Amino acid sequence: MHLNNTDHIIRTADRLLHRTGSRDPEIIAEELNIRIYGVPFQKQKGVYKILKRNRCIFVKEDLEEPMRQIVLLHEIGHDQLHRRQASLFQEFNLFDMNRNIMEYEANLFAAQIMLPDEEVIDYIYQGYSVCQIAGVMNSDINLVALKAADLSRRGYSFRILEHNNTFLQ
């Protein structure tokens, strides 16, 4: 069961890109009035919460790029797609797409913001592997594979790249 259909997720991300004119999660969060706090999480990489009407992202303080950007975009995805459910979020293994559809949706949202369609399509048609695309686009292999799978779903014709559904755990 999906909370949001895939096309809605893509449209929401695209509208936000148009509104902010940026793919930078710090700029997007500022534009949306979402506060970002670094915290010393042991395992968890990020959490989106609404506290006293303040929208907040708590991100593991020692994450390196590009993972920090991916986590921030993922949490912004929760803000844009799951704000109503934010007060119900429990501390569980965030980013596990096998156990929670909201995590899949937030990952797809992050992929749409971080990875421009045209660039990914161009690299795929040039014969780049998912690993090579992730390298040249400074992203994660699994986010690139998720993006490629969605592009295929939208009608582009190429071999779907494998991805690990628990890559952000």
N, C-alpha and C. Protein backbone atom coordinates (compact mmCIF):
# COMPACT_ATOMS: atom_id res chain seq x y z
N MET A 1 0.83 -1.18 0.00
CA MET A 1 0.00 0.00 0.00
C MET A 1 0.88 1.25 0.00
N HIS A 2 0.65 2.12 -0.93
CA HIS A 2 1.40 3.37 -1.02
C HIS A 2 0.58 4.50 -0.42
N LEU A 3 1.24 5.38 0.32
CA LEU A 3 0.58 6.59 0.79
C LEU A 3 0.45 7.57 -0.36
N ASN A 4 1.47 7.64 -1.18
CA ASN A 4 1.51 8.54 -2.34
C ASN A 4 1.83 7.71 -3.57
N ASN A 5 1.18 8.01 -4.69
CA ASN A 5 1.58 7.27 -5.87
C ASN A 5 2.90 7.85 -6.39
N THR A 6 3.60 7.06 -7.15
CA THR A 6 4.95 7.43 -7.60
C THR A 6 4.94 8.73 -8.39
N ASP A 7 3.96 8.92 -9.24
CA ASP A 7 3.90 10.15 -10.02
C ASP A 7 3.72 11.37 -9.12
N HIS A 8 2.94 11.24 -8.06
CA HIS A 8 2.77 12.34 -7.10
C HIS A 8 4.10 12.68 -6.43
N ILE A 9 4.87 11.68 -6.08
CA ILE A 9 6.18 11.90 -5.44
C ILE A 9 7.10 12.68 -6.39
N ILE A 10 7.14 12.26 -7.64
CA ILE A 10 7.99 12.93 -8.64
C ILE A 10 7.53 14.36 -8.85
N ARG A 11 6.22 14.57 -8.99
CA ARG A 11 5.68 15.93 -9.19
C ARG A 11 5.98 16.82 -7.98
N THR A 12 5.86 16.28 -6.78
CA THR A 12 6.14 17.05 -5.56
C THR A 12 7.59 17.48 -5.54
N ALA A 13 8.50 16.57 -5.85
CA ALA A 13 9.93 16.90 -5.88
C ALA A 13 10.22 17.94 -6.97
N ASP A 14 9.63 17.76 -8.14
CA ASP A 14 9.86 18.70 -9.25
C ASP A 14 9.33 20.10 -8.92
N ARG A 15 8.16 20.17 -8.28
CA ARG A 15 7.63 21.48 -7.88
C ARG A 15 8.56 22.17 -6.88
N LEU A 16 9.11 21.39 -5.97
CA LEU A 16 10.03 21.96 -4.98
C LEU A 16 11.32 22.44 -5.65
N LEU A 17 11.82 21.69 -6.61
CA LEU A 17 12.99 22.12 -7.38
C LEU A 17 12.70 23.45 -8.08
N HIS A 18 11.55 23.54 -8.70
CA HIS A 18 11.17 24.76 -9.40
C HIS A 18 11.03 25.93 -8.43
N ARG A 19 10.40 25.67 -7.29
CA ARG A 19 10.17 26.72 -6.29
C ARG A 19 11.46 27.27 -5.71
N THR A 20 12.39 26.38 -5.37
CA THR A 20 13.63 26.80 -4.70
C THR A 20 14.75 27.11 -5.68
N GLY A 21 14.70 26.54 -6.88
CA GLY A 21 15.77 26.74 -7.85
C GLY A 21 17.06 26.09 -7.43
N SER A 22 16.99 25.09 -6.54
CA SER A 22 18.20 24.47 -6.02
C SER A 22 17.99 22.98 -5.75
N ARG A 23 19.09 22.23 -5.85
CA ARG A 23 19.11 20.83 -5.45
C ARG A 23 19.84 20.68 -4.12
N ASP A 24 20.33 21.77 -3.57
CA ASP A 24 21.07 21.76 -2.30
C ASP A 24 20.09 21.63 -1.14
N PRO A 25 20.19 20.55 -0.35
CA PRO A 25 19.22 20.35 0.73
C PRO A 25 19.25 21.45 1.80
N GLU A 26 20.39 22.06 2.03
CA GLU A 26 20.47 23.15 3.02
C GLU A 26 19.63 24.34 2.54
N ILE A 27 19.75 24.69 1.27
CA ILE A 27 18.99 25.80 0.70
C ILE A 27 17.50 25.47 0.69
N ILE A 28 17.17 24.24 0.30
CA ILE A 28 15.77 23.81 0.27
C ILE A 28 15.17 23.87 1.67
N ALA A 29 15.89 23.34 2.66
CA ALA A 29 15.39 23.35 4.04
C ALA A 29 15.18 24.78 4.52
N GLU A 30 16.11 25.65 4.22
CA GLU A 30 15.97 27.05 4.63
C GLU A 30 14.73 27.68 3.98
N GLU A 31 14.55 27.42 2.69
CA GLU A 31 13.39 27.96 1.97
C GLU A 31 12.07 27.44 2.57
N LEU A 32 12.09 26.21 3.06
CA LEU A 32 10.89 25.60 3.65
C LEU A 32 10.74 25.90 5.14
N ASN A 33 11.71 26.62 5.70
CA ASN A 33 11.73 26.93 7.12
C ASN A 33 11.81 25.66 7.98
N ILE A 34 12.66 24.74 7.55
CA ILE A 34 12.93 23.53 8.31
C ILE A 34 14.29 23.72 8.98
N ARG A 35 14.35 23.48 10.25
CA ARG A 35 15.61 23.62 10.99
C ARG A 35 16.38 22.30 10.94
N ILE A 36 17.69 22.40 10.78
CA ILE A 36 18.56 21.23 10.73
C ILE A 36 19.46 21.24 11.95
N TYR A 37 19.52 20.11 12.65
CA TYR A 37 20.36 19.97 13.83
C TYR A 37 21.25 18.75 13.69
N GLY A 38 22.53 18.91 13.93
CA GLY A 38 23.44 17.77 13.98
C GLY A 38 23.37 17.15 15.36
N VAL A 39 23.24 15.83 15.40
CA VAL A 39 23.17 15.11 16.69
C VAL A 39 24.08 13.89 16.65
N PRO A 40 24.54 13.44 17.81
CA PRO A 40 25.47 12.31 17.85
C PRO A 40 24.78 10.94 17.82
N PHE A 41 23.95 10.69 16.80
CA PHE A 41 23.33 9.37 16.66
C PHE A 41 24.42 8.31 16.58
N GLN A 42 24.13 7.15 17.13
CA GLN A 42 25.05 6.03 17.00
C GLN A 42 24.85 5.31 15.67
N LYS A 43 23.63 4.93 15.38
CA LYS A 43 23.32 4.18 14.16
C LYS A 43 22.47 4.97 13.19
N GLN A 44 21.41 5.55 13.70
CA GLN A 44 20.44 6.26 12.87
C GLN A 44 21.10 7.42 12.16
N LYS A 45 20.72 7.63 10.91
CA LYS A 45 21.33 8.71 10.13
C LYS A 45 20.53 9.99 10.17
N GLY A 46 19.22 9.90 10.33
CA GLY A 46 18.41 11.10 10.35
C GLY A 46 16.99 10.84 10.80
N VAL A 47 16.33 11.92 11.22
CA VAL A 47 14.95 11.87 11.67
C VAL A 47 14.28 13.19 11.32
N TYR A 48 13.04 13.11 10.89
CA TYR A 48 12.22 14.30 10.68
C TYR A 48 11.17 14.32 11.78
N LYS A 49 11.04 15.45 12.46
CA LYS A 49 10.05 15.60 13.53
C LYS A 49 9.45 16.99 13.47
N ILE A 50 8.23 17.12 13.97
CA ILE A 50 7.62 18.41 14.18
C ILE A 50 7.52 18.58 15.69
N LEU A 51 8.19 19.61 16.21
CA LEU A 51 8.21 19.87 17.64
C LEU A 51 7.67 21.27 17.89
N LYS A 52 6.57 21.34 18.59
CA LYS A 52 5.93 22.63 18.88
C LYS A 52 5.76 23.47 17.62
N ARG A 53 5.24 22.84 16.60
CA ARG A 53 4.97 23.46 15.29
C ARG A 53 6.23 23.83 14.51
N ASN A 54 7.38 23.45 14.99
CA ASN A 54 8.64 23.69 14.27
C ASN A 54 9.03 22.41 13.55
N ARG A 55 9.25 22.54 12.24
CA ARG A 55 9.68 21.40 11.44
C ARG A 55 11.19 21.26 11.57
N CYS A 56 11.63 20.06 11.96
CA CYS A 56 13.05 19.84 12.28
C CYS A 56 13.57 18.57 11.63
N ILE A 57 14.84 18.65 11.21
CA ILE A 57 15.57 17.47 10.78
C ILE A 57 16.74 17.31 11.73
N PHE A 58 16.86 16.12 12.27
CA PHE A 58 18.01 15.78 13.10
C PHE A 58 18.85 14.82 12.27
N VAL A 59 20.11 15.20 12.05
CA VAL A 59 20.99 14.42 11.18
C VAL A 59 22.24 14.02 11.95
N LYS A 60 22.69 12.82 11.73
CA LYS A 60 23.92 12.33 12.37
C LYS A 60 25.05 13.31 12.06
N GLU A 61 25.67 13.82 13.10
CA GLU A 61 26.61 14.94 12.93
C GLU A 61 27.89 14.59 12.19
N ASP A 62 28.27 13.33 12.15
CA ASP A 62 29.55 12.98 11.51
C ASP A 62 29.38 12.32 10.14
N LEU A 63 28.22 12.49 9.51
CA LEU A 63 28.04 11.95 8.16
C LEU A 63 28.88 12.72 7.16
N GLU A 64 29.49 11.98 6.26
CA GLU A 64 30.27 12.62 5.20
C GLU A 64 29.39 12.80 3.96
N GLU A 65 29.81 13.73 3.11
CA GLU A 65 29.12 13.93 1.84
C GLU A 65 29.44 12.73 0.94
N PRO A 66 28.60 12.26 0.10
CA PRO A 66 27.27 12.80 -0.20
C PRO A 66 26.17 12.25 0.70
N MET A 67 26.51 11.34 1.63
CA MET A 67 25.47 10.73 2.46
C MET A 67 24.69 11.78 3.25
N ARG A 68 25.36 12.82 3.73
CA ARG A 68 24.65 13.86 4.47
C ARG A 68 23.58 14.51 3.59
N GLN A 69 23.92 14.81 2.35
CA GLN A 69 22.94 15.41 1.44
C GLN A 69 21.77 14.46 1.17
N ILE A 70 22.08 13.19 0.99
CA ILE A 70 21.03 12.20 0.72
C ILE A 70 20.08 12.11 1.92
N VAL A 71 20.65 12.06 3.12
CA VAL A 71 19.83 11.97 4.32
C VAL A 71 18.95 13.21 4.47
N LEU A 72 19.53 14.39 4.26
CA LEU A 72 18.74 15.62 4.36
C LEU A 72 17.60 15.63 3.34
N LEU A 73 17.90 15.24 2.11
CA LEU A 73 16.85 15.20 1.08
C LEU A 73 15.77 14.17 1.43
N HIS A 74 16.20 13.04 1.97
CA HIS A 74 15.26 12.00 2.40
C HIS A 74 14.32 12.57 3.47
N GLU A 75 14.88 13.27 4.44
CA GLU A 75 14.06 13.84 5.52
C GLU A 75 13.17 14.97 5.01
N ILE A 76 13.65 15.75 4.06
CA ILE A 76 12.80 16.77 3.42
C ILE A 76 11.65 16.07 2.70
N GLY A 77 11.94 14.90 2.13
CA GLY A 77 10.88 14.10 1.51
C GLY A 77 9.78 13.76 2.51
N HIS A 78 10.17 13.39 3.73
CA HIS A 78 9.16 13.12 4.77
C HIS A 78 8.34 14.39 5.04
N ASP A 79 9.00 15.53 5.09
CA ASP A 79 8.29 16.79 5.33
C ASP A 79 7.25 17.02 4.23
N GLN A 80 7.63 16.83 2.99
CA GLN A 80 6.76 17.12 1.87
C GLN A 80 5.69 16.05 1.64
N LEU A 81 5.99 14.82 1.98
CA LEU A 81 5.08 13.71 1.67
C LEU A 81 4.33 13.16 2.87
N HIS A 82 4.91 13.29 4.06
CA HIS A 82 4.37 12.58 5.23
C HIS A 82 4.22 13.48 6.46
N ARG A 83 4.03 14.75 6.25
CA ARG A 83 3.98 15.67 7.40
C ARG A 83 2.88 15.28 8.39
N ARG A 84 1.76 14.84 7.87
CA ARG A 84 0.66 14.43 8.78
C ARG A 84 1.05 13.27 9.67
N GLN A 85 1.86 12.38 9.13
CA GLN A 85 2.27 11.21 9.90
C GLN A 85 3.47 11.50 10.81
N ALA A 86 4.08 12.67 10.68
CA ALA A 86 5.32 12.97 11.41
C ALA A 86 5.14 12.86 12.92
N SER A 87 3.99 13.23 13.42
CA SER A 87 3.79 13.14 14.86
C SER A 87 3.66 11.70 15.32
N LEU A 88 3.44 10.78 14.38
CA LEU A 88 3.30 9.37 14.72
C LEU A 88 4.58 8.57 14.54
N PHE A 89 5.62 9.21 13.93
CA PHE A 89 6.86 8.47 13.65
C PHE A 89 7.44 7.90 14.94
N GLN A 90 7.81 6.66 14.86
CA GLN A 90 8.47 6.00 15.98
C GLN A 90 9.94 5.84 15.63
N GLU A 91 10.76 5.58 16.62
CA GLU A 91 12.17 5.33 16.35
C GLU A 91 12.29 3.90 15.87
N PHE A 92 12.45 3.71 14.60
CA PHE A 92 12.65 2.39 14.02
C PHE A 92 13.73 2.53 12.98
N ASN A 93 14.01 1.48 12.28
CA ASN A 93 15.07 1.52 11.28
C ASN A 93 14.63 2.36 10.09
N LEU A 94 14.90 3.64 10.16
CA LEU A 94 14.55 4.52 9.06
C LEU A 94 15.33 4.12 7.82
N PHE A 95 14.79 4.40 6.71
CA PHE A 95 15.34 4.14 5.39
C PHE A 95 15.17 2.68 4.95
N ASP A 96 14.56 1.83 5.76
CA ASP A 96 14.37 0.45 5.35
C ASP A 96 13.12 0.36 4.50
N MET A 97 13.30 0.31 3.18
CA MET A 97 12.18 0.34 2.26
C MET A 97 11.38 -0.96 2.28
N ASN A 98 11.97 -2.04 2.78
CA ASN A 98 11.25 -3.30 2.84
C ASN A 98 10.18 -3.28 3.92
N ARG A 99 10.39 -2.55 4.99
CA ARG A 99 9.48 -2.57 6.12
C ARG A 99 8.52 -1.39 6.16
N ASN A 100 8.82 -0.31 5.47
CA ASN A 100 8.01 0.88 5.62
C ASN A 100 7.93 1.63 4.29
N ILE A 101 6.74 1.77 3.76
CA ILE A 101 6.55 2.41 2.46
C ILE A 101 6.96 3.87 2.50
N MET A 102 6.82 4.53 3.66
CA MET A 102 7.23 5.93 3.75
C MET A 102 8.73 6.08 3.47
N GLU A 103 9.52 5.09 3.83
CA GLU A 103 10.96 5.16 3.59
C GLU A 103 11.26 5.05 2.10
N TYR A 104 10.56 4.16 1.41
CA TYR A 104 10.71 4.06 -0.04
C TYR A 104 10.35 5.39 -0.70
N GLU A 105 9.23 5.96 -0.29
CA GLU A 105 8.77 7.20 -0.89
C GLU A 105 9.77 8.34 -0.64
N ALA A 106 10.30 8.43 0.57
CA ALA A 106 11.29 9.48 0.88
C ALA A 106 12.58 9.26 0.08
N ASN A 107 12.98 8.02 -0.13
CA ASN A 107 14.16 7.73 -0.93
C ASN A 107 13.95 8.13 -2.39
N LEU A 108 12.77 7.84 -2.93
CA LEU A 108 12.46 8.21 -4.31
C LEU A 108 12.44 9.74 -4.45
N PHE A 109 11.88 10.42 -3.48
CA PHE A 109 11.87 11.88 -3.46
C PHE A 109 13.31 12.41 -3.48
N ALA A 110 14.17 11.86 -2.63
CA ALA A 110 15.58 12.28 -2.57
C ALA A 110 16.27 12.04 -3.92
N ALA A 111 16.01 10.89 -4.54
CA ALA A 111 16.62 10.58 -5.83
C ALA A 111 16.17 11.59 -6.89
N GLN A 112 14.90 11.96 -6.88
CA GLN A 112 14.39 12.90 -7.87
C GLN A 112 15.02 14.28 -7.70
N ILE A 113 15.23 14.70 -6.47
CA ILE A 113 15.85 16.01 -6.23
C ILE A 113 17.34 15.97 -6.59
N MET A 114 18.03 14.95 -6.13
CA MET A 114 19.49 14.90 -6.25
C MET A 114 19.98 14.56 -7.64
N LEU A 115 19.24 13.74 -8.37
CA LEU A 115 19.72 13.18 -9.63
C LEU A 115 18.84 13.61 -10.80
N PRO A 116 19.25 14.62 -11.55
CA PRO A 116 18.44 15.09 -12.69
C PRO A 116 18.21 13.98 -13.71
N ASP A 117 16.96 13.85 -14.15
CA ASP A 117 16.59 12.81 -15.12
C ASP A 117 17.54 12.77 -16.32
N GLU A 118 17.73 13.93 -16.94
CA GLU A 118 18.50 14.00 -18.19
C GLU A 118 19.93 13.49 -18.00
N GLU A 119 20.53 13.85 -16.88
CA GLU A 119 21.91 13.43 -16.62
C GLU A 119 22.00 11.92 -16.45
N VAL A 120 21.11 11.36 -15.64
CA VAL A 120 21.12 9.91 -15.40
C VAL A 120 20.86 9.17 -16.71
N ILE A 121 19.87 9.61 -17.47
CA ILE A 121 19.55 8.97 -18.76
C ILE A 121 20.75 9.02 -19.69
N ASP A 122 21.39 10.17 -19.77
CA ASP A 122 22.56 10.32 -20.63
C ASP A 122 23.67 9.34 -20.25
N TYR A 123 23.97 9.24 -18.96
CA TYR A 123 25.01 8.30 -18.51
C TYR A 123 24.63 6.85 -18.81
N ILE A 124 23.36 6.51 -18.60
CA ILE A 124 22.93 5.13 -18.87
C ILE A 124 23.11 4.82 -20.36
N TYR A 125 22.66 5.73 -21.22
CA TYR A 125 22.78 5.49 -22.66
C TYR A 125 24.23 5.49 -23.14
N GLN A 126 25.12 6.13 -22.39
CA GLN A 126 26.55 6.09 -22.72
C GLN A 126 27.19 4.79 -22.25
N GLY A 127 26.44 3.96 -21.52
CA GLY A 127 26.95 2.67 -21.08
C GLY A 127 27.59 2.68 -19.70
N TYR A 128 27.43 3.75 -18.95
CA TYR A 128 27.99 3.81 -17.60
C TYR A 128 27.29 2.78 -16.71
N SER A 129 28.03 2.19 -15.80
CA SER A 129 27.45 1.30 -14.80
C SER A 129 26.85 2.15 -13.68
N VAL A 130 26.03 1.52 -12.84
CA VAL A 130 25.45 2.24 -11.71
C VAL A 130 26.56 2.80 -10.80
N CYS A 131 27.61 2.05 -10.64
CA CYS A 131 28.74 2.50 -9.82
C CYS A 131 29.41 3.73 -10.44
N GLN A 132 29.60 3.70 -11.75
CA GLN A 132 30.21 4.84 -12.44
C GLN A 132 29.32 6.08 -12.37
N ILE A 133 28.01 5.88 -12.54
CA ILE A 133 27.09 7.01 -12.46
C ILE A 133 27.12 7.62 -11.06
N ALA A 134 27.09 6.76 -10.05
CA ALA A 134 27.16 7.26 -8.67
C ALA A 134 28.44 8.05 -8.45
N GLY A 135 29.54 7.57 -9.00
CA GLY A 135 30.82 8.27 -8.85
C GLY A 135 30.83 9.63 -9.51
N VAL A 136 30.39 9.72 -10.76
CA VAL A 136 30.43 11.00 -11.46
C VAL A 136 29.38 11.97 -10.94
N MET A 137 28.31 11.45 -10.34
CA MET A 137 27.26 12.32 -9.83
C MET A 137 27.38 12.53 -8.32
N ASN A 138 28.44 12.00 -7.72
CA ASN A 138 28.69 12.15 -6.28
C ASN A 138 27.45 11.73 -5.47
N SER A 139 27.01 10.51 -5.73
CA SER A 139 25.82 10.00 -5.08
C SER A 139 26.09 8.60 -4.55
N ASP A 140 25.04 7.90 -4.20
CA ASP A 140 25.11 6.53 -3.70
C ASP A 140 24.64 5.58 -4.80
N ILE A 141 25.27 4.46 -4.91
CA ILE A 141 24.94 3.46 -5.93
C ILE A 141 23.45 3.10 -5.88
N ASN A 142 22.94 2.89 -4.69
CA ASN A 142 21.56 2.45 -4.55
C ASN A 142 20.55 3.54 -4.89
N LEU A 143 20.89 4.79 -4.62
CA LEU A 143 20.01 5.89 -5.00
C LEU A 143 19.95 5.99 -6.53
N VAL A 144 21.08 5.80 -7.19
CA VAL A 144 21.12 5.82 -8.66
C VAL A 144 20.29 4.67 -9.22
N ALA A 145 20.40 3.49 -8.63
CA ALA A 145 19.63 2.34 -9.11
C ALA A 145 18.13 2.57 -8.90
N LEU A 146 17.76 3.16 -7.78
CA LEU A 146 16.36 3.48 -7.53
C LEU A 146 15.84 4.47 -8.57
N LYS A 147 16.66 5.47 -8.88
CA LYS A 147 16.29 6.47 -9.89
C LYS A 147 16.12 5.81 -11.26
N ALA A 148 17.05 4.93 -11.62
CA ALA A 148 16.97 4.25 -12.92
C ALA A 148 15.72 3.37 -13.00
N ALA A 149 15.38 2.71 -11.91
CA ALA A 149 14.16 1.88 -11.89
C ALA A 149 12.93 2.75 -12.09
N ASP A 150 12.91 3.94 -11.48
CA ASP A 150 11.78 4.83 -11.66
C ASP A 150 11.72 5.36 -13.09
N LEU A 151 12.86 5.71 -13.66
CA LEU A 151 12.87 6.17 -15.06
C LEU A 151 12.34 5.08 -15.98
N SER A 152 12.71 3.85 -15.71
CA SER A 152 12.21 2.73 -16.50
C SER A 152 10.69 2.62 -16.35
N ARG A 153 10.20 2.77 -15.14
CA ARG A 153 8.76 2.75 -14.88
C ARG A 153 8.05 3.85 -15.66
N ARG A 154 8.72 4.99 -15.83
CA ARG A 154 8.13 6.13 -16.55
C ARG A 154 8.25 5.98 -18.07
N GLY A 155 8.82 4.84 -18.54
CA GLY A 155 8.80 4.58 -19.97
C GLY A 155 10.13 4.61 -20.68
N TYR A 156 11.22 4.94 -19.99
CA TYR A 156 12.53 4.91 -20.64
C TYR A 156 12.96 3.46 -20.78
N SER A 157 13.59 3.16 -21.90
CA SER A 157 13.94 1.79 -22.21
C SER A 157 15.42 1.52 -21.96
N PHE A 158 15.69 0.89 -20.85
CA PHE A 158 17.04 0.41 -20.54
C PHE A 158 16.94 -0.63 -19.44
N ARG A 159 18.02 -1.38 -19.29
CA ARG A 159 18.07 -2.43 -18.28
C ARG A 159 18.01 -1.80 -16.89
N ILE A 160 17.12 -2.31 -16.04
CA ILE A 160 17.00 -1.79 -14.69
C ILE A 160 18.20 -2.24 -13.87
N LEU A 161 18.80 -1.29 -13.17
CA LEU A 161 19.97 -1.56 -12.35
C LEU A 161 19.54 -2.06 -10.98
N GLU A 162 20.28 -3.01 -10.45
CA GLU A 162 19.96 -3.57 -9.14
C GLU A 162 20.25 -2.56 -8.04
N HIS A 163 19.44 -2.60 -6.97
CA HIS A 163 19.71 -1.76 -5.82
C HIS A 163 19.33 -2.49 -4.53
N ASN A 164 19.92 -2.04 -3.46
CA ASN A 164 19.72 -2.61 -2.13
C ASN A 164 18.71 -1.73 -1.41
N ASN A 165 17.58 -2.30 -1.00
CA ASN A 165 16.52 -1.52 -0.37
C ASN A 165 16.85 -1.03 1.03
N THR A 166 17.94 -1.47 1.61
CA THR A 166 18.27 -1.05 2.97
C THR A 166 19.55 -0.22 3.01
N PHE A 167 19.87 0.45 1.90
CA PHE A 167 21.16 1.12 1.79
C PHE A 167 21.36 2.28 2.74
N LEU A 168 20.31 2.90 3.27
CA LEU A 168 20.49 4.04 4.16
C LEU A 168 20.39 3.66 5.63
N GLN A 169 20.42 2.39 5.93
CA GLN A 169 20.36 1.98 7.34
C GLN A 169 21.68 2.22 8.01
